[in-house]
Each structure stands twice: as structure tokens, then as C-alpha cells.
Protein backbone atom coordinates (compact mmCIF):
# COMPACT_ATOMS: atom_id res chain seq x y z
CA MET A 1 -18.48 -11.74 -22.27
CA ARG A 2 -16.00 -15.24 -22.60
CA ARG A 3 -13.46 -16.27 -18.89
CA LEU A 4 -11.16 -18.77 -18.98
CA VAL A 5 -11.97 -21.08 -16.46
CA LYS A 6 -9.62 -23.71 -14.15
CA THR A 7 -12.29 -26.30 -12.39
CA GLN A 8 -11.66 -30.12 -10.80
CA GLU A 9 -13.08 -31.30 -14.78
CA GLY A 10 -9.92 -29.04 -15.86
CA TRP A 11 -9.49 -25.35 -18.19
CA GLN A 12 -12.94 -24.59 -20.02
CA VAL A 13 -14.66 -21.66 -20.93
CA THR A 14 -17.80 -20.13 -20.02
CA ASP A 15 -20.71 -16.99 -20.83
CA GLY A 16 -22.30 -16.93 -17.81
CA GLU A 17 -24.60 -19.28 -19.06
CA SER A 18 -23.06 -22.04 -20.34
CA VAL A 19 -20.00 -23.43 -20.82
CA GLY A 20 -17.46 -25.88 -23.90
CA ALA A 21 -14.51 -27.96 -22.38
CA LEU A 22 -11.21 -27.24 -23.98
CA PRO A 23 -9.25 -30.41 -25.15
CA PRO A 24 -7.76 -32.80 -22.86
CA GLY A 25 -4.38 -32.38 -22.10
CA THR A 26 -4.88 -27.82 -22.43
CA THR A 27 -3.22 -25.76 -19.56
CA LEU A 28 -2.96 -21.80 -18.74
CA GLY A 29 0.80 -23.16 -20.27
CA SER A 30 -0.14 -24.64 -23.50
CA LEU A 31 -2.73 -21.53 -24.44
CA LEU A 32 0.18 -19.04 -22.66
CA ALA A 33 1.92 -20.29 -25.45
CA LEU A 34 0.33 -19.41 -28.55
CA SER A 35 0.29 -15.66 -30.30
CA ALA A 36 -2.59 -13.46 -28.54
CA ASP A 37 -4.91 -14.26 -31.86
CA ALA A 38 -3.90 -18.38 -31.19
CA PHE A 39 -4.88 -17.29 -27.64
CA ALA A 40 -8.43 -16.23 -28.40
CA GLU A 41 -9.26 -19.17 -30.96
CA ALA A 42 -8.68 -20.96 -29.02
CA LEU A 43 -11.38 -19.65 -26.71
CA ALA A 44 -13.61 -19.62 -29.23
CA VAL A 45 -14.61 -23.45 -28.14
CA GLU A 46 -18.57 -24.13 -28.57
CA LEU A 47 -19.93 -23.81 -25.81
CA ALA A 48 -23.47 -25.35 -24.10
CA PRO A 49 -26.04 -24.72 -21.31
CA GLY A 50 -24.36 -26.60 -18.09
CA GLU A 51 -22.97 -25.57 -15.36
CA LEU A 52 -19.35 -24.94 -13.85
CA GLY A 53 -17.78 -26.90 -11.13
CA GLU A 54 -15.97 -25.90 -8.28
CA LEU A 55 -14.08 -23.54 -9.23
CA ARG A 56 -9.64 -23.30 -8.70
CA ALA A 57 -7.41 -20.97 -9.44
CA PRO A 58 -6.54 -20.35 -12.79
CA VAL A 59 -2.74 -21.02 -12.99
CA ASP A 60 -1.37 -24.57 -13.29
CA ASP A 61 1.10 -25.47 -10.72
CA ASP A 62 4.45 -24.37 -12.69
CA THR A 63 3.21 -20.34 -13.85
CA GLU A 64 4.82 -18.33 -11.75
CA VAL A 65 3.27 -15.12 -10.91
CA TRP A 66 5.39 -11.78 -9.93
CA ALA A 67 4.49 -8.38 -8.80
CA ALA A 68 5.40 -4.85 -9.20
CA GLY A 69 5.53 -2.82 -5.97
CA VAL A 70 4.88 0.88 -5.13
CA THR A 71 2.91 2.01 -8.42
CA TYR A 72 0.19 4.25 -6.80
CA GLU A 73 0.93 6.95 -5.34
CA VAL A 74 -0.87 6.18 -2.11
CA SER A 75 1.02 2.52 -1.32
CA ARG A 76 4.59 4.81 -2.10
CA GLU A 77 3.46 7.19 0.66
CA ALA A 78 1.94 4.14 3.07
CA ARG A 79 5.36 2.58 2.88
CA MET A 80 7.13 5.26 3.42
CA GLU A 81 5.15 6.24 6.33
CA GLU A 82 6.03 1.93 7.46
CA SER A 83 9.71 1.89 6.43
CA GLY A 84 12.66 3.06 8.66
CA ASP A 85 13.98 3.39 5.31
CA ALA A 86 11.25 5.10 2.63
CA ASP A 87 13.82 6.77 0.62
CA VAL A 88 13.95 4.00 -0.95
CA TYR A 89 10.02 3.42 -2.01
CA ALA A 90 10.39 7.55 -3.21
CA ARG A 91 12.95 6.64 -5.56
CA VAL A 92 11.46 3.92 -6.73
CA TYR A 93 8.33 5.26 -6.94
CA GLU A 94 9.84 8.29 -9.41
CA ALA A 95 12.90 5.92 -11.27
CA GLU A 96 11.99 4.51 -14.83
CA ARG A 97 12.68 0.25 -13.74
CA PRO A 98 9.94 -0.60 -11.99
CA GLU A 99 9.71 -3.06 -8.68
CA LEU A 100 9.16 -6.17 -9.53
CA PHE A 101 9.32 -9.03 -7.44
CA PHE A 102 8.54 -12.75 -7.54
CA LYS A 103 5.57 -13.99 -5.65
CA SER A 104 4.68 -17.14 -5.52
CA VAL A 105 4.71 -20.32 -7.95
CA GLY A 106 1.43 -21.70 -9.57
CA ARG A 107 0.97 -24.72 -7.02
CA ARG A 108 1.22 -22.84 -3.81
CA VAL A 109 -1.54 -19.97 -5.06
CA ARG A 110 -5.30 -20.12 -3.42
CA GLY A 111 -8.29 -20.02 -5.72
CA PRO A 112 -10.96 -18.60 -4.55
CA GLY A 113 -13.07 -19.99 -1.57
CA GLU A 114 -9.61 -21.00 -0.25
CA PRO A 115 -7.43 -20.12 2.37
CA ILE A 116 -5.35 -17.38 2.57
CA GLY A 117 -2.30 -17.35 5.24
CA VAL A 118 -1.04 -14.28 7.83
CA ARG A 119 2.65 -15.14 9.71
CA GLU A 120 2.84 -15.84 13.52
CA ASP A 121 6.05 -13.65 13.86
CA SER A 122 4.03 -10.65 11.99
CA THR A 123 2.47 -7.57 14.12
CA TRP A 124 0.60 -6.35 10.87
CA ASP A 125 -0.80 -8.13 8.01
CA VAL A 126 -2.83 -6.33 5.11
CA PRO A 127 -4.39 -7.71 1.81
CA GLU A 128 -3.21 -6.31 -1.57
CA PRO A 129 -6.20 -6.12 -4.02
CA GLU A 130 -4.46 -6.33 -7.15
CA LEU A 131 -5.17 -6.62 -11.62
CA ALA A 132 -3.13 -8.66 -11.99
CA LEU A 133 -2.07 -9.48 -16.63
CA VAL A 134 -2.55 -12.64 -17.94
CA CYS A 135 0.79 -12.75 -20.14
CA ASN A 136 1.75 -15.09 -23.17
CA ALA A 137 5.25 -16.40 -23.97
CA ASN A 138 5.77 -13.24 -26.43
CA GLY A 139 5.16 -10.50 -23.23
CA GLU A 140 2.41 -9.71 -24.78
CA ILE A 141 -1.17 -9.20 -22.38
CA VAL A 142 -3.67 -11.62 -23.36
CA GLY A 143 -5.52 -11.32 -20.32
CA TYR A 144 -6.53 -10.14 -17.34
CA THR A 145 -7.56 -11.81 -13.46
CA ILE A 146 -7.38 -10.91 -9.87
CA VAL A 147 -4.85 -11.68 -7.86
CA ASN A 148 -4.56 -10.87 -3.44
CA ASP A 149 -0.80 -9.74 -2.61
CA VAL A 150 -1.04 -11.14 0.39
CA SER A 151 1.64 -9.36 3.42
CA SER A 152 3.44 -8.96 6.46
CA ARG A 153 3.96 -4.63 6.57
CA SER A 154 5.00 -4.98 9.81
CA ILE A 155 7.94 -7.69 8.31
CA GLU A 156 8.41 -5.42 4.84
CA GLY A 157 8.88 -2.02 7.64
CA GLU A 158 11.48 -2.78 9.76
CA ASN A 159 13.88 -3.91 7.02
CA PRO A 160 13.23 -3.40 3.36
CA LEU A 161 15.72 -6.63 2.94
CA TYR A 162 12.55 -8.28 3.98
CA LEU A 163 10.83 -8.35 1.64
CA PRO A 164 10.23 -11.70 0.24
CA GLN A 165 9.81 -13.28 4.24
CA ALA A 166 6.82 -10.28 3.53
CA LYS A 167 5.51 -11.80 0.33
CA MET A 168 6.45 -15.02 0.06
CA TYR A 169 5.38 -17.96 2.53
CA ARG A 170 2.22 -19.77 2.82
CA GLY A 171 -1.20 -18.54 1.70
CA SER A 172 0.41 -15.33 0.92
CA CYS A 173 -1.05 -15.66 -2.70
CA ALA A 174 -4.48 -15.89 -4.06
CA ALA A 175 -5.57 -15.50 -8.02
CA GLY A 176 -8.89 -15.47 -9.77
CA PRO A 177 -11.69 -16.56 -9.78
CA TRP A 178 -11.19 -17.06 -14.02
CA ILE A 179 -9.12 -15.03 -16.53
CA VAL A 180 -10.84 -12.36 -18.65
CA PRO A 181 -9.76 -12.42 -22.03
CA ALA A 182 -7.86 -8.77 -22.30
CA ALA A 183 -10.23 -8.01 -26.02
CA ALA A 184 -13.18 -7.91 -23.25
CA ILE A 185 -11.81 -5.32 -21.17
CA GLU A 186 -12.59 -2.02 -23.21
CA ASP A 187 -10.36 0.26 -20.69
CA PRO A 188 -7.86 -1.53 -17.87
CA TYR A 189 -7.26 2.63 -16.73
CA ALA A 190 -10.55 2.33 -15.43
CA LEU A 191 -11.17 -0.47 -13.35
CA GLY A 192 -13.14 -0.08 -9.99
CA ILE A 193 -11.05 -2.22 -7.03
CA THR A 194 -13.13 -2.93 -3.83
CA VAL A 195 -11.96 -4.63 -0.90
CA MET A 196 -13.20 -5.47 1.93
CA ILE A 197 -12.30 -7.50 5.02
CA HIS A 198 -15.15 -8.98 7.57
CA HIS A 199 -15.50 -11.06 10.70
CA ALA A 200 -18.05 -13.08 11.40
CA GLY A 201 -20.28 -11.65 8.86
CA GLU A 202 -19.26 -8.04 10.02
CA LEU A 203 -17.36 -5.66 8.27
CA ARG A 204 -14.31 -4.43 10.04
CA TRP A 205 -12.91 -2.44 6.69
CA ALA A 206 -13.29 -1.68 3.68
CA GLY A 207 -10.98 0.57 0.96
CA GLU A 208 -12.22 1.63 -3.11
CA THR A 209 -9.96 2.43 -5.33
CA THR A 210 -9.24 2.18 -9.00
CA THR A 211 -6.47 1.56 -12.18
CA ALA A 212 -6.75 5.46 -13.68
CA ARG A 213 -4.71 6.01 -10.32
CA LEU A 214 -1.73 3.14 -11.50
CA HIS A 215 1.31 5.52 -12.12
CA ARG A 216 3.29 3.08 -14.56
CA ARG A 217 1.86 1.57 -18.13
CA LEU A 218 0.55 -2.05 -18.18
CA ALA A 219 2.67 -2.86 -21.11
CA ASP A 220 5.90 -1.48 -19.84
CA LEU A 221 5.54 -3.38 -16.38
CA VAL A 222 5.20 -6.38 -18.58
CA SER A 223 8.39 -5.28 -20.61
CA TRP A 224 10.60 -5.29 -17.65
CA LEU A 225 9.66 -8.51 -16.07
CA TYR A 226 10.52 -9.45 -19.96
CA ARG A 227 13.57 -7.95 -19.86
CA GLY A 228 15.36 -10.11 -17.60
CA ASP A 229 14.09 -13.32 -18.53
CA VAL A 230 12.21 -16.19 -20.63
CA PHE A 231 9.19 -17.13 -20.13
CA PRO A 232 7.13 -19.86 -22.66
CA ARG A 233 4.90 -20.89 -20.92
CA GLY A 234 3.95 -17.12 -20.08
CA ALA A 235 3.23 -15.69 -16.77
CA VAL A 236 0.69 -13.61 -14.73
CA LEU A 237 2.28 -10.63 -13.61
CA ALA A 238 -0.12 -8.28 -10.48
CA THR A 239 0.21 -5.00 -10.91
CA GLY A 240 -0.26 -3.03 -7.42
CA THR A 241 -2.60 -1.54 -5.01
CA SER A 242 -3.50 1.48 -3.49
CA ALA A 243 -6.21 0.06 -1.18
CA VAL A 244 -4.65 -0.93 1.64
CA PRO A 245 -5.39 -0.73 5.77
CA GLY A 246 -3.44 1.72 8.09
CA PRO A 247 -1.40 0.49 10.84
CA ASP A 248 -5.16 -0.20 12.81
CA VAL A 249 -6.67 -2.72 11.21
CA SER A 250 -4.46 -6.51 10.27
CA LEU A 251 -6.30 -9.49 8.58
CA GLY A 252 -6.66 -12.40 11.91
CA ALA A 253 -7.80 -16.25 11.57
CA ASP A 254 -11.94 -16.14 10.81
CA ASP A 255 -11.23 -13.14 9.11
CA GLU A 256 -12.45 -13.51 5.20
CA VAL A 257 -11.13 -10.56 2.45
CA THR A 258 -13.70 -10.17 -0.45
CA ILE A 259 -11.92 -8.86 -4.08
CA VAL A 260 -14.50 -7.28 -6.17
CA ILE A 261 -12.20 -5.66 -9.49
CA GLU A 262 -14.99 -4.64 -11.93
CA GLY A 263 -15.58 -6.37 -15.20
CA ILE A 264 -13.23 -8.79 -13.80
CA GLY A 265 -15.32 -10.55 -11.08
CA THR A 266 -15.26 -11.58 -7.05
CA LEU A 267 -12.28 -13.27 -4.88
CA ARG A 268 -12.99 -14.80 -1.67
CA ASN A 269 -10.75 -15.82 0.50
CA PRO A 270 -10.92 -16.80 4.31
CA VAL A 271 -7.80 -16.05 6.73
CA ARG A 272 -5.75 -18.36 8.32
CA ARG A 273 -2.81 -17.52 10.51
CA GLY A 274 0.28 -19.61 10.33
CA ARG A 275 1.51 -22.62 8.58
CA SER A 276 -1.89 -24.83 8.62
CA ALA A 277 -3.50 -22.34 6.01
């Protein structure tokens, strides 16, 4: 299976054993400006035995990363439990229009092994492992990756209007380890998702879920995102999660979060507290 990767050398394609470089000047934006068929053709470069360099987040500096919320029943219940305004989460779960919010610009996204962050003014912080859709300018899903939608549940729970502060801050978004072409995933609604939090090598918490529990259709989420704007260089859309720790677990400094999505890969990041992330 071919994967689109970003390293310090630039954008490359690998099948796990061999590597091929995309033409100089290639960006994710230039690839996502192509049709779905042309995108697949662009990844059909000649491969040769070789090793990948250090992986970066599979985005450009100007890539827009968006996210959907309350797309799983467990997520709905958790948001209702944490919030003093629980009704808004119950209503958006059943509504035709999904919750969509801007998560990060590409230059702020952390890649494999890079530190993610939790806010100093938050008391309950969690990872949110999510299947993310890589969409071209036409709104077609051309690939998949992993996004960790790191969130402050205490800040969002205090008031839903605090969502931007709970979701968008330094170190709150990680992505990777690469992009898997859409054609390589037979059924995106049958992917197991595992998340683990370790501290000093000891497992603090682990959770499992599956995209089979997703309440909404992937193409529908994309259509709502593209309904109100244009993305000439494509976009990445995280699809929500139902594997979230309860109130007895909160991310802390020097924890490590590992997310595994079946068929996609593994994203691992250490945790830092405050803007030092």
C-alpha cells in the first residue's frame, strides 16, 4: 500500500520498503488542487529501495484543518455530562446540520513525535483520536490520516461559547503519520481506533472504538464544510471521536499519547503543559 509522506526532504511516496520523491516544488495544496483521478496518478511515481527521513505532519503551512463534533453517541453523552448547557449537544447530534469548527492552520499542526500541549488554565484535558478526511478542492475524499483533536473539557464544559479556547491553542492539534489514499481503504466505516496514555512507560488509560459507530456519513460532513466556502488547496476534516477519558483522567506534562487507526497507522506524541508546547 502506497502512502503519501512528508519528511524534511519534502513530499514522498512509500510502500513501506521503497521510496519515491515527488517532483520539486510539490505541495499538498498542489496535489489537492487535482481531481481525485489525477491525485492518484501523481502518487504513482517510481519507487526504489530506501529509507524515509524524519516524518513531519502531512500538511502544508497553509493547510486548513477542520473538525466535526458530537458525531458519536458516546461523545454526545460525554458532552452533555460535562456541560451546564447539555441540550445544545443533544440537539446537534440529531440535527441535519453537523457541528463543524476550525481546528488549526497547517503550520501549527504537530507531526509524529512532536509535543502536543494542554493549557495552563485548564483542569481537564484529553486527547481525541479521530479519523481525518483529506479532501481535494472539489470536495472529494482522496485520502485519510489521523488527527489528535486535543481538547480542554473543563473550559468547553463551563460554557459552549468557550469552544475556540478549548479547541484552538498552541499544541492542540497533531496529525500523521502520513496520508493513506482513499482507494486503499476498503471500508472507512469499519476501522478500529485505539488510544493510549502512558506516563513514565506505565499505561495510565486506554480506550477503543470503531468508525462503525459514527453517526454521520463522511461525504455528508465534507459537503457541509464545502457548502459555505471554497478550498482551492483542499482541506483536512477530522470526523470526531467516541474514545475519550472520563473525569478521572486528564493529560499532564510528560504523558505520551498513542493513537492507532486500523489501516492508517500510528501517531505518537509527548505532552507538554502551557505555551512551552
